[in-house]
Structure formats: structure tokens, C-alpha cells
Protein backbone atom coordinates (compact mmCIF):
# COMPACT_ATOMS: atom_id res chain seq x y z
CA MET A 1 -37.49 -38.86 47.95
CA ALA A 2 -41.20 -38.68 46.35
CA MET A 3 -41.05 -39.45 42.54
CA GLN A 4 -42.72 -37.29 40.17
CA HIS A 5 -45.62 -38.45 37.60
CA GLY A 6 -45.01 -37.09 34.31
CA ALA A 7 -41.46 -35.93 34.15
CA ASP A 8 -40.79 -38.01 31.87
CA LYS A 9 -40.01 -36.90 28.48
CA THR A 10 -41.21 -40.09 26.18
CA GLY A 11 -44.16 -41.62 27.34
CA PRO A 12 -45.37 -45.18 25.67
CA ALA A 13 -46.66 -43.71 22.27
CA ARG A 14 -43.36 -41.96 21.73
CA ASP A 15 -41.20 -45.02 22.94
CA ASP A 16 -42.69 -47.19 20.11
CA MET A 17 -42.65 -44.25 17.26
CA MET A 18 -38.30 -44.37 18.40
CA LYS A 19 -38.68 -48.10 18.18
CA LYS A 20 -40.11 -48.23 14.92
CA GLN A 21 -37.85 -45.20 13.61
CA LEU A 22 -34.33 -47.05 14.81
CA ARG A 23 -35.72 -50.22 13.25
CA GLY A 24 -36.16 -48.62 10.36
CA GLU A 25 -32.88 -47.35 10.08
CA LEU A 26 -31.35 -50.56 11.43
CA ASN A 27 -32.56 -52.94 8.72
CA ALA A 28 -32.22 -50.07 5.76
CA ASP A 29 -29.73 -51.26 2.96
CA ARG A 30 -27.57 -48.32 3.55
CA SER A 31 -24.62 -46.96 5.67
CA LEU A 32 -25.50 -45.81 9.19
CA ARG A 33 -22.06 -44.23 9.43
CA THR A 34 -22.17 -40.32 8.73
CA ASP A 35 -18.31 -39.82 8.09
CA GLU A 36 -17.11 -41.85 5.28
CA GLU A 37 -13.87 -42.89 6.74
CA HIS A 38 -15.44 -44.90 9.56
CA GLU A 39 -17.20 -47.34 6.77
CA LEU A 40 -16.10 -50.62 7.21
CA GLN A 41 -13.43 -51.35 4.58
CA PRO A 42 -13.25 -54.02 2.27
CA SER A 43 -10.00 -56.86 2.25
CA GLY A 44 -7.03 -55.30 1.03
CA GLU A 45 -4.96 -57.76 -1.53
CA ASP A 46 -3.00 -59.11 0.67
CA GLN A 47 -5.06 -59.69 3.68
CA PRO A 48 -7.76 -62.74 3.94
CA ALA A 49 -11.45 -61.89 3.07
CA VAL A 50 -13.57 -61.18 6.09
CA ALA A 51 -15.57 -64.07 7.16
CA ARG A 52 -19.42 -62.87 7.70
CA ASP A 53 -19.99 -66.66 9.67
CA PRO A 54 -16.97 -67.17 11.52
CA ALA A 55 -18.16 -70.41 12.04
CA ALA A 56 -18.77 -71.47 8.30
CA GLU A 57 -14.83 -70.36 7.64
CA SER A 58 -13.75 -72.60 11.49
CA GLY A 59 -12.56 -75.27 9.50
CA THR A 60 -14.13 -77.12 12.55
CA GLY A 61 -16.48 -79.34 10.79
CA ALA A 62 -19.46 -77.89 12.83
CA PRO A 63 -22.62 -76.95 10.94
CA ALA A 64 -22.44 -73.44 9.80
CA GLY A 65 -23.73 -71.00 12.23
CA THR A 66 -24.41 -73.22 14.86
CA GLY A 67 -21.67 -72.41 17.09
CA VAL A 68 -21.06 -75.71 18.24
CA PRO A 69 -17.89 -76.96 18.22
CA ARG A 70 -17.11 -80.20 16.66
CA GLY A 71 -17.37 -83.35 18.98
CA MET A 72 -20.45 -81.66 20.70
CA THR A 73 -24.15 -81.20 20.19
CA GLU A 74 -25.88 -78.31 21.58
CA ARG A 75 -27.27 -80.08 24.31
CA ASP A 76 -23.80 -80.84 25.45
CA VAL A 77 -22.85 -77.37 25.01
CA SER A 78 -25.79 -76.23 27.11
CA ILE A 79 -25.01 -78.14 29.88
CA ARG A 80 -21.46 -77.32 30.44
CA SER A 81 -22.61 -73.59 29.76
CA ASP A 82 -25.00 -74.26 32.63
CA LEU A 83 -22.37 -76.32 35.08
CA ALA A 84 -19.81 -73.58 34.53
CA ARG A 85 -22.20 -70.29 35.27
CA HIS A 86 -23.17 -72.93 38.74
CA LEU A 87 -19.57 -74.03 39.60
CA GLY A 88 -17.75 -71.05 39.40
CA ARG A 89 -13.88 -70.86 38.83
CA GLY A 90 -12.80 -71.07 42.13
CA ILE A 91 -13.16 -74.14 43.17
CA TYR A 92 -10.85 -76.47 41.27
CA PRO A 93 -8.86 -78.59 41.73
CA ALA A 94 -12.55 -80.13 42.74
CA ASP A 95 -13.72 -83.87 43.73
CA ARG A 96 -17.22 -84.88 43.30
CA SER A 97 -18.42 -83.58 46.92
CA ALA A 98 -16.74 -80.31 46.07
CA VAL A 99 -18.98 -79.76 42.79
CA LEU A 100 -22.02 -80.89 44.28
CA GLU A 101 -21.93 -78.58 47.42
CA SER A 102 -20.95 -75.90 44.81
CA LEU A 103 -24.06 -76.66 42.75
CA ARG A 104 -26.44 -76.85 45.99
CA GLU A 105 -24.47 -73.07 46.95
CA HIS A 106 -25.21 -71.30 43.77
CA HIS A 107 -28.75 -73.03 43.40
CA ALA A 108 -28.28 -74.84 40.58
CA PRO A 109 -31.30 -77.14 38.92
CA ASP A 110 -32.32 -80.00 39.98
CA ARG A 111 -31.06 -81.66 36.72
CA LEU A 112 -27.47 -80.26 37.27
CA LEU A 113 -27.34 -81.73 40.35
CA ASP A 114 -29.23 -85.34 39.24
CA LEU A 115 -26.12 -84.83 37.01
CA ALA A 116 -23.27 -84.36 39.40
CA ASP A 117 -24.72 -87.01 41.48
CA ARG A 118 -23.31 -89.76 39.07
CA LEU A 119 -20.00 -88.27 39.08
CA PRO A 120 -17.10 -90.79 40.46
CA ASP A 121 -15.84 -90.34 44.11
CA SER A 122 -12.47 -90.94 43.51
CA GLU A 123 -11.84 -88.30 40.66
CA ARG A 124 -10.71 -84.89 40.77
CA TYR A 125 -11.43 -82.05 38.19
CA GLU A 126 -9.41 -79.82 37.19
CA ASN A 127 -11.81 -77.58 35.28
CA VAL A 128 -15.68 -77.59 34.19
CA GLN A 129 -14.39 -79.49 30.79
CA ALA A 130 -12.82 -82.19 32.66
CA VAL A 131 -16.17 -82.26 34.44
CA ALA A 132 -18.48 -82.61 31.41
CA ALA A 133 -15.93 -85.36 30.03
CA SER A 134 -16.58 -87.18 33.15
CA LEU A 135 -20.38 -87.48 32.85
CA GLY A 136 -19.88 -88.73 29.19
CA LEU A 137 -20.74 -85.35 27.40
CA GLY A 138 -18.93 -84.64 24.23
CA THR A 139 -16.11 -82.18 24.32
CA GLU A 140 -14.12 -80.34 21.79
CA HIS A 141 -11.83 -83.34 21.75
CA GLY A 142 -14.63 -85.77 21.31
CA ARG A 143 -16.98 -88.08 23.59
CA SER A 144 -15.47 -89.49 26.55
């Protein structure tokens, strides 16, 4: 199938104009809803106030707006997230060799392989949280 050049209804200049227009509407200090019934309503007297920043209202003690659970650093969260992405859910329960094999199969970066290489041979892990704790990373329940 041959591609038809020039059949696009918008070109780069029109795209830029539409982006600027949309950005202006999104940044406007007014509602973008056309029907009043779709407007967000304030909390009722018998309901809790809406939290604009869930982290600030969570009571976890984490700095407001960071999204980092108490007991963890941003680095801990990042590493655990990367481990979870490269390990998947289907390997558990897993031992050190299964963790390393899964990381290699999923083309994990060398830094994750180097970390996993430090795991003890004798332990079995029920989830990525257990792997992170064994590596000495902070978890929601504190440092190991």
C-alpha cells in the first residue's frame, strides 16, 4: 500500500497552533466543562475535605508531594520498581538463581544484575518486596 503524501489534514504549523490553543485552555483559570452538571463539586458538610495532594494527607510522614512511602528513599522506590518490571509476577516464590535468570531474560540493566548477584543463595522470595528487603533497600516497613 502506497503512502499518500499531503493527504494529512494538518501540517506541522497547524499542529503547533492547536497545541498552543489547547495549552492556553488547560492553563486558563476557569472551567473547561460545558455543562454545569459536570462541574466538580465541593465536599459536603458531612464528608471529608478533598485532598489536593494525597501524599500530604496520607499521614505516612513522607514529605508532601514526593510519593515516597515512609521508610524508603526515592532510590529505593526506583530500584524496587525496576526490579518488579524486570522480574514479573510469575517467578515467585523464587530463589537467587531464579531472580538472576529472570533479570537476564528480561534484559535488565547491569546494575540490577549486580544487585541481585548479592542475594543469599539460601533464601526464597515470595515477592519483589522480599527481594528488596534482602538487598537492604528500604521498604514501607522500614530498613532491613
